[in-house]
Amino acid sequence: MSTAKRGPAPPAIAEVARLWLAPPVALLASCLALVCLTSVPDVVTDLEPLSAANERFVGWAGVGLIVALAVAAVGVLTAPRVGPGPALSLGAAAAVFGLALGSDIVDDLQAGLAFCLLGLAVGGLVSGAACMSLELDGRWRSASLIAWVVPLAAGWPMVTWVALHDAEIETGRIALHPSVWVLAPVSAVLVLWSVLSMLIEPVRVRRASEAAWESAWSSLLAVCGVTALLIMVLGFDPEISAAWLRPLVVVVTAALVVALVGVVTTIPTANARMGYVCVAVTGLCLPTCLQLAVVVSDAGQARVGWPVPALLALMGVVGVSVGWVLADRVVCPAFIVVAGAAAGSWVMADGPWVMFASAAPLTLGAGAAIAAGIRLSSSGAMELRYAAMTVVGVIMIGVAISIPLGWSLGGAVASNVDDARAAGRVLVGLTFAAAVLAAGYTATLRPRPVGADGREYRPSMAEG
């Protein structure tokens, strides 16, 4: 009696649900992390209430940064063994409490808890969403990575606009609290997907740690950790005079930039080096530049309407699409576009559509750069986890250090439109310099082509 040859069994319903829900879950996790980040427009407009509630809130921001770095490091380093579920569920739970505390700060204890919980949320959500791709393959892997990148490249204008047009409160606020009818379902979906992933235990990318990456990991963690410690120490001592604090902020920022440049020399592969440069430059420069541009424009004669940030977000999505498709050819041109847009944005115009004309190419170029960097870094599990850690570190450090740096070089804290314009010009000028240097450096690198599945293409002997 002959037996018919059977094909592979169809995947179970739970596995199908996990695959189909992976990209939306990555998108929701990234959006929730974006909301949990310290809101620049809220801080600059509520500086006096925040200082009254806790004059050492900058130090607590450093503590929150340390928490985010620690959670992200644990999440990305343990993801090949335990998956992204623990980091995602922990970040979603922390976001619920952190946003509730950070949206209405009235005393010093609440400020400290809010910064710590929001840092925990950002570290868990960003690292967990990035590491979802370690247990996915093919189109699901690419879709989840794109969904993770889009909010980080395109969501800043919308978050800023909502923060500026939200109901004003008399107390301080460091984060924008979404409606409970939005926050509760999003958190529930993230936790349920995490539980489903942990129960199924899918095949994950398990790659032994290479000795060549030890220096790169040590350098990155040391640079981010020391910077966070310095922010915490300087922030917890409000008695430092301005005559000393201004040069200290400038020196710390300069040392950070030099150290981040030095980290490049420890990264072993060309694709990972280019991905690191893309993520580091855009993560440090893009968020605050776009947020201050919207703040200055909204304080002009006419307030910014929702179509302007929506179109800016659309430009970011277009940039991500271009960067993902043309990852091995678009990096240097993207940084040239960013440099040109930064030069045009130096005016910091107060007209909404004039601001859009300069901010749109900035969003487009930065979106293309960060997407290309993630695509190039996705050629290996170690490279991708390193890029995820870089995203957490540079975005949070950039947001935390931008306002003090603008105060140190611009002359005053950006608590009104003129001071915000001065701080914005400082940051836009630094963005121009960073983009020019990044374009020159990436032009000297030749990344390996990346296939449709995100893997690095290596020609065979027959192909030469």
Protein backbone atom coordinates (compact mmCIF):
# COMPACT_ATOMS: atom_id res chain seq x y z
CA MET A 1 0.00 0.00 0.00
CA SER A 2 1.49 3.31 -1.06
CA THR A 3 1.43 6.33 1.13
CA ALA A 4 1.05 9.81 -0.28
CA LYS A 5 3.82 12.22 0.55
CA ARG A 6 2.54 14.89 2.85
CA GLY A 7 3.68 18.49 2.75
CA PRO A 8 4.47 20.61 5.75
CA ALA A 9 1.63 21.15 8.17
CA PRO A 10 -0.09 24.51 7.94
CA PRO A 11 0.78 26.95 10.73
CA ALA A 12 -1.51 27.05 13.73
CA ILE A 13 -3.99 29.87 14.19
CA ALA A 14 -1.92 31.33 17.01
CA GLU A 15 1.17 31.44 14.80
CA VAL A 16 -0.77 33.08 11.97
CA ALA A 17 -2.12 35.69 14.38
CA ARG A 18 1.37 36.35 15.71
CA LEU A 19 2.77 36.92 12.24
CA TRP A 20 -0.08 39.12 10.99
CA LEU A 21 -0.12 41.21 14.15
CA ALA A 22 3.66 41.71 14.32
CA PRO A 23 3.86 44.83 12.08
CA PRO A 24 0.89 46.62 13.75
CA VAL A 25 2.30 45.77 17.18
CA ALA A 26 5.71 47.17 16.20
CA LEU A 27 4.02 50.35 14.95
CA LEU A 28 1.97 50.74 18.14
CA ALA A 29 4.99 50.11 20.37
CA SER A 30 7.05 52.70 18.53
CA CYS A 31 4.23 55.26 18.67
CA LEU A 32 3.72 54.69 22.38
CA ALA A 33 7.46 55.08 22.99
CA LEU A 34 7.37 58.36 21.06
CA VAL A 35 4.62 59.67 23.33
CA CYS A 36 6.55 58.58 26.43
CA LEU A 37 9.65 60.58 25.45
CA THR A 38 10.08 63.91 27.22
CA SER A 39 8.04 66.46 25.29
CA VAL A 40 10.17 69.47 24.35
CA PRO A 41 7.19 71.84 23.78
CA ASP A 42 5.74 70.91 27.17
CA VAL A 43 9.04 71.48 28.97
CA VAL A 44 9.76 74.85 27.37
CA THR A 45 6.24 76.13 28.00
CA ASP A 46 5.87 74.66 31.53
CA LEU A 47 9.37 75.37 32.80
CA GLU A 48 8.28 77.44 35.79
CA PRO A 49 5.69 74.93 37.07
CA LEU A 50 8.21 72.11 36.64
CA SER A 51 10.87 74.04 38.54
CA ALA A 52 8.36 74.85 41.28
CA ALA A 53 7.36 71.20 41.62
CA ASN A 54 10.95 69.93 41.60
CA GLU A 55 13.92 72.21 41.01
CA ARG A 56 16.06 69.10 40.40
CA PHE A 57 13.88 67.71 37.62
CA VAL A 58 16.83 67.77 35.19
CA GLY A 59 18.65 65.37 37.48
CA TRP A 60 15.62 63.07 37.50
CA ALA A 61 15.66 63.24 33.70
CA GLY A 62 19.20 61.82 33.91
CA VAL A 63 17.94 59.04 36.19
CA GLY A 64 15.18 58.24 33.70
CA LEU A 65 17.79 58.12 30.94
CA ILE A 66 19.87 55.64 32.95
CA VAL A 67 16.79 53.47 33.50
CA ALA A 68 15.98 53.53 29.77
CA LEU A 69 19.52 52.56 28.82
CA ALA A 70 19.62 49.72 31.35
CA VAL A 71 16.26 48.29 30.26
CA ALA A 72 17.14 48.58 26.57
CA ALA A 73 20.52 46.94 27.06
CA VAL A 74 18.99 44.02 28.93
CA GLY A 75 16.21 43.76 26.34
CA VAL A 76 18.44 43.63 23.26
CA LEU A 77 21.08 41.38 24.81
CA THR A 78 18.59 38.80 26.08
CA ALA A 79 16.22 38.92 23.09
CA PRO A 80 17.80 35.95 21.26
CA ARG A 81 16.99 33.77 24.28
CA VAL A 82 13.73 35.11 25.72
CA GLY A 83 12.35 37.05 22.75
CA PRO A 84 10.88 40.58 22.71
CA GLY A 85 7.85 39.72 24.87
CA PRO A 86 9.22 40.65 28.32
CA ALA A 87 10.57 44.02 27.16
CA LEU A 88 7.37 44.92 25.31
CA SER A 89 5.03 43.98 28.14
CA LEU A 90 7.16 45.74 30.74
CA GLY A 91 7.34 48.88 28.58
CA ALA A 92 3.58 48.90 27.94
CA ALA A 93 2.78 48.56 31.63
CA ALA A 94 5.25 51.27 32.61
CA ALA A 95 3.85 53.60 29.95
CA VAL A 96 0.37 53.51 31.49
CA PHE A 97 1.60 54.66 34.89
CA GLY A 98 4.37 56.92 33.60
CA LEU A 99 2.08 58.91 31.31
CA ALA A 100 -0.47 59.33 34.11
CA LEU A 101 2.21 60.73 36.43
CA GLY A 102 4.05 62.79 33.81
CA SER A 103 0.99 64.59 32.47
CA ASP A 104 0.27 66.51 35.70
CA ILE A 105 3.31 66.96 37.97
CA VAL A 106 2.61 68.61 41.33
CA ASP A 107 5.49 67.56 43.61
CA ASP A 108 9.07 66.29 43.58
CA LEU A 109 8.26 62.62 44.26
CA GLN A 110 5.84 62.49 41.34
CA ALA A 111 8.42 64.05 39.01
CA GLY A 112 11.02 61.45 39.94
CA LEU A 113 8.64 58.53 39.50
CA ALA A 114 7.39 59.91 36.20
CA PHE A 115 10.89 60.21 34.71
CA CYS A 116 11.85 56.71 35.88
CA LEU A 117 8.68 55.03 34.60
CA LEU A 118 8.77 56.86 31.28
CA GLY A 119 12.42 55.91 30.83
CA LEU A 120 11.54 52.30 31.58
CA ALA A 121 8.71 52.48 29.04
CA VAL A 122 10.87 53.94 26.26
CA GLY A 123 13.69 51.45 26.80
CA GLY A 124 11.36 48.46 26.85
CA LEU A 125 9.14 49.51 23.95
CA VAL A 126 11.87 50.58 21.52
CA SER A 127 14.15 47.61 22.20
CA GLY A 128 11.27 45.13 22.22
CA ALA A 129 9.79 46.41 18.96
CA ALA A 130 13.17 46.24 17.24
CA CYS A 131 13.91 42.72 18.49
CA MET A 132 10.60 41.40 17.19
CA SER A 133 12.36 40.87 13.88
CA LEU A 134 14.65 38.28 15.50
CA GLU A 135 11.78 35.79 15.49
CA LEU A 136 10.40 36.79 12.09
CA ASP A 137 11.60 36.15 8.57
CA GLY A 138 11.03 37.37 5.05
CA ARG A 139 8.32 39.94 4.48
CA TRP A 140 7.18 39.84 8.11
CA ARG A 141 10.66 40.84 9.23
CA SER A 142 10.87 43.76 6.82
CA ALA A 143 7.33 44.92 7.59
CA SER A 144 7.92 44.94 11.35
CA LEU A 145 11.18 46.87 11.01
CA ILE A 146 9.56 49.47 8.74
CA ALA A 147 6.66 49.83 11.17
CA TRP A 148 9.16 50.34 13.98
CA VAL A 149 11.11 53.02 12.11
CA VAL A 150 8.22 55.11 10.73
CA PRO A 151 7.11 56.80 14.00
CA LEU A 152 10.71 57.52 15.01
CA ALA A 153 11.28 59.34 11.72
CA ALA A 154 7.87 60.89 11.00
CA GLY A 155 6.00 61.25 14.29
CA TRP A 156 7.72 64.26 15.85
CA PRO A 157 5.68 67.03 14.13
CA MET A 158 2.34 65.43 15.05
CA VAL A 159 3.30 64.87 18.69
CA THR A 160 4.49 68.48 18.95
CA TRP A 161 1.33 69.86 17.37
CA VAL A 162 -0.92 67.85 19.69
CA ALA A 163 1.09 69.00 22.73
CA LEU A 164 0.79 72.65 21.70
CA HIS A 165 -2.95 72.45 20.97
CA ASP A 166 -3.88 70.29 23.94
CA ALA A 167 -5.78 71.84 26.84
CA GLU A 168 -3.48 74.01 28.94
CA ILE A 169 -2.85 72.96 32.53
CA GLU A 170 -1.54 75.03 35.42
CA THR A 171 0.86 72.35 36.68
CA GLY A 172 3.95 71.05 34.92
CA ARG A 173 3.91 68.35 32.26
CA ILE A 174 6.74 66.33 30.71
CA ALA A 175 4.71 63.98 28.50
CA LEU A 176 1.47 64.04 26.57
CA HIS A 177 -1.19 61.71 27.98
CA PRO A 178 -3.35 60.16 25.23
CA SER A 179 -7.01 59.45 25.79
CA VAL A 180 -7.63 56.45 27.99
CA TRP A 181 -9.74 55.00 25.16
CA VAL A 182 -6.56 54.95 23.05
CA LEU A 183 -3.93 54.14 25.65
CA ALA A 184 -5.76 51.19 27.22
CA PRO A 185 -6.37 49.21 23.98
CA VAL A 186 -2.83 49.89 22.73
CA SER A 187 -1.27 48.66 25.97
CA ALA A 188 -3.57 45.63 26.01
CA VAL A 189 -2.65 44.67 22.43
CA LEU A 190 1.07 44.95 23.20
CA VAL A 191 0.78 42.79 26.33
CA LEU A 192 -1.41 40.17 24.61
CA TRP A 193 0.98 39.87 21.65
CA SER A 194 3.90 39.56 24.07
CA VAL A 195 2.15 36.78 25.97
CA LEU A 196 1.28 35.03 22.70
CA SER A 197 4.89 35.22 21.55
CA MET A 198 6.20 33.84 24.84
CA LEU A 199 3.69 30.96 24.78
CA ILE A 200 4.43 29.95 21.19
CA GLU A 201 8.23 30.27 21.58
CA PRO A 202 8.97 30.66 17.85
CA VAL A 203 12.35 29.94 16.34
CA ARG A 204 14.59 32.89 17.06
CA VAL A 205 17.86 34.03 15.58
CA ARG A 206 20.48 32.63 17.93
CA ARG A 207 23.94 33.87 17.16
CA ALA A 208 26.86 33.58 19.50
CA SER A 209 28.44 36.83 20.58
CA GLU A 210 31.42 37.61 18.41
CA ALA A 211 34.61 38.85 20.04
CA ALA A 212 34.85 41.59 17.41
CA TRP A 213 31.69 43.21 18.81
CA GLU A 214 32.81 43.35 22.43
CA SER A 215 34.64 46.66 22.00
CA ALA A 216 31.73 48.17 20.09
CA TRP A 217 29.20 47.25 22.77
CA SER A 218 31.46 48.37 25.60
CA SER A 219 32.15 51.71 23.92
CA LEU A 220 28.52 52.48 23.15
CA LEU A 221 27.25 51.56 26.62
CA ALA A 222 30.07 53.48 28.29
CA VAL A 223 29.47 56.63 26.27
CA CYS A 224 25.71 56.64 26.83
CA GLY A 225 26.01 55.67 30.49
CA VAL A 226 28.62 58.30 31.36
CA THR A 227 26.62 60.98 29.57
CA ALA A 228 23.49 60.04 31.50
CA LEU A 229 25.44 60.13 34.77
CA LEU A 230 26.80 63.59 33.98
CA ILE A 231 23.30 64.86 33.17
CA MET A 232 22.08 63.44 36.47
CA VAL A 233 24.95 64.94 38.50
CA LEU A 234 24.65 68.40 36.96
CA GLY A 235 20.87 68.35 37.22
CA PHE A 236 20.83 67.39 40.90
CA ASP A 237 22.98 70.40 41.85
CA PRO A 238 20.88 73.52 41.15
CA GLU A 239 23.35 75.70 43.06
CA ILE A 240 25.92 75.65 40.24
CA SER A 241 26.20 79.20 38.93
CA ALA A 242 25.33 79.93 35.31
CA ALA A 243 28.88 81.14 34.70
CA TRP A 244 30.10 77.59 35.36
CA LEU A 245 27.11 75.64 34.11
CA ARG A 246 27.16 77.05 30.57
CA PRO A 247 30.72 75.91 29.75
CA LEU A 248 30.10 72.60 31.54
CA VAL A 249 27.13 71.85 29.26
CA VAL A 250 29.17 72.76 26.18
CA VAL A 251 32.12 70.64 27.30
CA VAL A 252 29.90 67.63 28.08
CA THR A 253 28.19 67.93 24.70
CA ALA A 254 31.49 68.24 22.85
CA ALA A 255 32.90 65.24 24.71
CA LEU A 256 29.74 63.27 23.84
CA VAL A 257 30.11 64.04 20.14
CA VAL A 258 33.80 63.11 20.14
CA ALA A 259 33.04 59.88 21.99
CA LEU A 260 30.22 58.94 19.61
CA VAL A 261 32.57 59.53 16.69
CA GLY A 262 35.14 57.32 18.37
CA VAL A 263 32.60 54.51 18.71
CA VAL A 264 32.56 54.22 14.91
CA THR A 265 36.13 52.92 14.94
CA THR A 266 35.12 49.96 17.14
CA ILE A 267 32.32 48.68 14.87
CA PRO A 268 33.65 45.74 12.84
CA THR A 269 31.58 45.81 9.62
CA ALA A 270 31.00 48.51 7.00
CA ASN A 271 27.22 48.07 6.95
CA ALA A 272 27.01 48.39 10.72
CA ARG A 273 29.26 51.48 10.71
CA MET A 274 27.10 53.19 8.12
CA GLY A 275 23.93 52.20 9.97
CA TYR A 276 25.36 53.57 13.22
CA VAL A 277 26.21 56.91 11.62
CA CYS A 278 22.73 57.21 10.10
CA VAL A 279 20.96 56.41 13.36
CA ALA A 280 23.26 58.50 15.58
CA VAL A 281 23.12 61.70 13.52
CA THR A 282 19.38 61.63 12.86
CA GLY A 283 18.52 60.53 16.40
CA LEU A 284 20.52 63.34 17.97
CA CYS A 285 19.43 66.13 15.63
CA LEU A 286 16.01 65.45 14.12
CA PRO A 287 13.60 65.36 17.13
CA THR A 288 14.44 68.69 18.75
CA CYS A 289 14.97 70.58 15.50
CA LEU A 290 11.53 69.63 14.21
CA GLN A 291 9.84 70.25 17.56
CA LEU A 292 11.35 73.73 17.99
CA ALA A 293 10.47 74.61 14.39
CA VAL A 294 6.82 73.78 15.06
CA VAL A 295 6.90 75.62 18.41
CA VAL A 296 8.26 78.83 16.84
CA SER A 297 5.86 78.67 13.91
CA ASP A 298 2.85 78.03 16.16
CA ALA A 299 3.68 81.15 18.20
CA GLY A 300 3.56 83.37 15.10
CA GLN A 301 0.67 85.40 13.73
CA ALA A 302 -1.25 82.28 12.70
CA ARG A 303 -1.25 79.02 14.62
CA VAL A 304 -0.15 75.87 12.85
CA GLY A 305 -3.08 73.86 11.52
CA TRP A 306 -3.17 70.08 11.51
CA PRO A 307 -2.45 69.73 7.75
CA VAL A 308 1.09 71.08 8.22
CA PRO A 309 2.33 68.45 10.72
CA ALA A 310 0.36 65.79 8.86
CA LEU A 311 2.16 66.63 5.63
CA LEU A 312 5.49 66.70 7.46
CA ALA A 313 4.74 63.24 8.79
CA LEU A 314 3.87 62.12 5.27
CA MET A 315 7.23 63.42 4.05
CA GLY A 316 8.88 61.34 6.75
CA VAL A 317 7.01 58.24 5.59
CA VAL A 318 8.12 58.90 2.01
CA GLY A 319 11.69 59.30 3.21
CA VAL A 320 11.53 56.00 5.10
CA SER A 321 10.20 54.25 1.97
CA VAL A 322 12.97 55.65 -0.21
CA GLY A 323 15.65 54.87 2.35
CA TRP A 324 14.45 51.29 2.79
CA VAL A 325 14.31 50.52 -0.93
CA LEU A 326 17.59 52.26 -1.84
CA ALA A 327 19.48 51.59 1.37
CA ASP A 328 22.88 51.00 -0.21
CA ARG A 329 22.74 54.12 -2.43
CA VAL A 330 20.76 56.80 -0.61
CA VAL A 331 22.72 57.46 2.58
CA CYS A 332 25.11 60.14 1.32
CA PRO A 333 22.43 61.95 -0.75
CA ALA A 334 20.06 61.84 2.24
CA PHE A 335 22.58 63.61 4.44
CA ILE A 336 23.18 66.20 1.73
CA VAL A 337 19.43 66.88 1.69
CA VAL A 338 19.46 67.16 5.50
CA ALA A 339 22.35 69.65 5.35
CA GLY A 340 20.59 71.78 2.75
CA ALA A 341 17.33 71.72 4.68
CA ALA A 342 19.13 72.65 7.90
CA ALA A 343 20.69 75.64 6.17
CA GLY A 344 17.26 76.71 4.94
CA SER A 345 15.69 76.15 8.36
CA TRP A 346 18.14 78.45 10.15
CA VAL A 347 15.72 81.37 9.77
CA MET A 348 13.20 79.53 12.01
CA ALA A 349 10.27 81.21 10.25
CA ASP A 350 7.05 81.89 12.14
CA GLY A 351 4.79 81.23 9.15
CA PRO A 352 3.36 77.69 9.05
CA TRP A 353 3.85 77.07 5.36
CA VAL A 354 7.23 78.78 5.28
CA MET A 355 8.26 76.49 8.09
CA PHE A 356 6.89 73.54 6.13
CA ALA A 357 8.96 74.48 3.08
CA SER A 358 12.18 74.16 5.09
CA ALA A 359 11.17 71.35 7.45
CA ALA A 360 9.76 69.04 4.74
CA PRO A 361 13.13 68.25 3.10
CA LEU A 362 14.67 67.90 6.56
CA THR A 363 12.06 65.28 7.48
CA LEU A 364 12.41 63.59 4.09
CA GLY A 365 16.20 63.35 4.23
CA ALA A 366 16.33 62.27 7.87
CA GLY A 367 13.65 59.63 7.28
CA ALA A 368 15.62 58.23 4.35
CA ALA A 369 18.84 58.22 6.39
CA ILE A 370 17.47 56.44 9.44
CA ALA A 371 15.56 53.87 7.35
CA ALA A 372 18.65 53.14 5.27
CA GLY A 373 20.68 52.81 8.45
CA ILE A 374 18.27 50.29 9.96
CA ARG A 375 18.06 48.37 6.67
CA LEU A 376 21.84 48.12 6.45
CA SER A 377 22.05 47.14 10.10
CA SER A 378 19.43 44.41 9.65
CA SER A 379 21.88 42.22 7.73
CA GLY A 380 22.70 40.42 11.01
CA ALA A 381 21.21 39.88 14.44
CA MET A 382 24.12 41.51 16.25
CA GLU A 383 24.07 44.53 13.96
CA LEU A 384 20.33 45.03 14.42
CA ARG A 385 20.48 44.80 18.20
CA TYR A 386 23.34 47.29 18.20
CA ALA A 387 21.31 49.69 16.07
CA ALA A 388 18.33 49.35 18.44
CA MET A 389 20.54 50.21 21.43
CA THR A 390 21.90 53.19 19.53
CA VAL A 391 18.39 54.44 18.78
CA VAL A 392 17.42 54.41 22.46
CA GLY A 393 20.62 56.10 23.57
CA VAL A 394 20.93 58.89 21.01
CA ILE A 395 17.27 59.89 20.89
CA MET A 396 16.92 60.16 24.66
CA ILE A 397 20.29 61.90 25.09
CA GLY A 398 19.50 64.27 22.22
CA VAL A 399 16.17 65.29 23.74
CA ALA A 400 17.67 65.62 27.24
CA ILE A 401 20.68 67.69 26.24
CA SER A 402 19.16 69.88 23.52
CA ILE A 403 17.43 72.43 25.77
CA PRO A 404 20.47 72.96 28.06
CA LEU A 405 22.72 73.21 25.00
CA GLY A 406 20.43 75.80 23.41
CA TRP A 407 20.52 77.75 26.67
CA SER A 408 24.33 77.53 26.87
CA LEU A 409 24.93 78.74 23.31
CA GLY A 410 21.76 80.72 22.63
CA GLY A 411 21.74 82.85 25.77
CA ALA A 412 18.49 81.86 27.51
CA VAL A 413 16.20 78.94 28.22
CA ALA A 414 13.71 78.52 25.36
CA SER A 415 10.71 79.62 27.44
CA ASN A 416 9.36 82.10 24.87
CA VAL A 417 9.31 82.32 21.11
CA ASP A 418 12.45 84.46 20.77
CA ASP A 419 14.49 82.20 23.02
CA ALA A 420 13.09 79.12 21.26
CA ARG A 421 14.12 80.61 17.91
CA ALA A 422 17.63 81.29 19.21
CA ALA A 423 17.95 77.75 20.58
CA GLY A 424 16.55 76.35 17.35
CA ARG A 425 19.12 78.22 15.28
CA VAL A 426 21.91 76.80 17.41
CA LEU A 427 20.64 73.25 17.00
CA VAL A 428 19.92 73.64 13.30
CA GLY A 429 23.43 74.97 12.76
CA LEU A 430 24.89 71.96 14.58
CA THR A 431 22.64 69.70 12.49
CA PHE A 432 24.06 71.24 9.32
CA ALA A 433 27.61 70.56 10.48
CA ALA A 434 26.81 67.00 11.54
CA ALA A 435 25.02 66.22 8.25
CA VAL A 436 27.91 67.55 6.17
CA LEU A 437 30.44 65.46 8.10
CA ALA A 438 28.19 62.39 7.94
CA ALA A 439 27.75 62.80 4.18
CA GLY A 440 31.51 63.02 3.71
CA TYR A 441 32.20 59.99 5.88
CA THR A 442 29.50 57.76 4.40
CA ALA A 443 30.68 58.64 0.90
CA THR A 444 33.95 56.86 1.73
CA LEU A 445 32.18 53.67 2.83
CA ARG A 446 30.85 51.07 0.44
CA PRO A 447 28.15 49.00 2.10
CA ARG A 448 27.34 45.51 0.93
CA PRO A 449 24.01 45.24 -0.92
CA VAL A 450 21.10 44.09 1.21
CA GLY A 451 18.60 41.59 -0.17
CA ALA A 452 14.81 41.75 0.01
CA ASP A 453 14.83 39.69 3.20
CA GLY A 454 17.13 42.16 4.95
CA ARG A 455 20.16 39.84 4.77
CA GLU A 456 23.54 41.03 3.58
CA TYR A 457 24.18 39.86 0.01
CA ARG A 458 27.44 38.01 -0.47
CA PRO A 459 28.39 37.06 -4.05
CA SER A 460 29.33 33.46 -4.73
CA MET A 461 32.66 32.35 -6.18
CA ALA A 462 31.06 31.92 -9.61
CA GLU A 463 29.78 35.50 -9.49
CA GLY A 464 33.21 36.80 -8.56
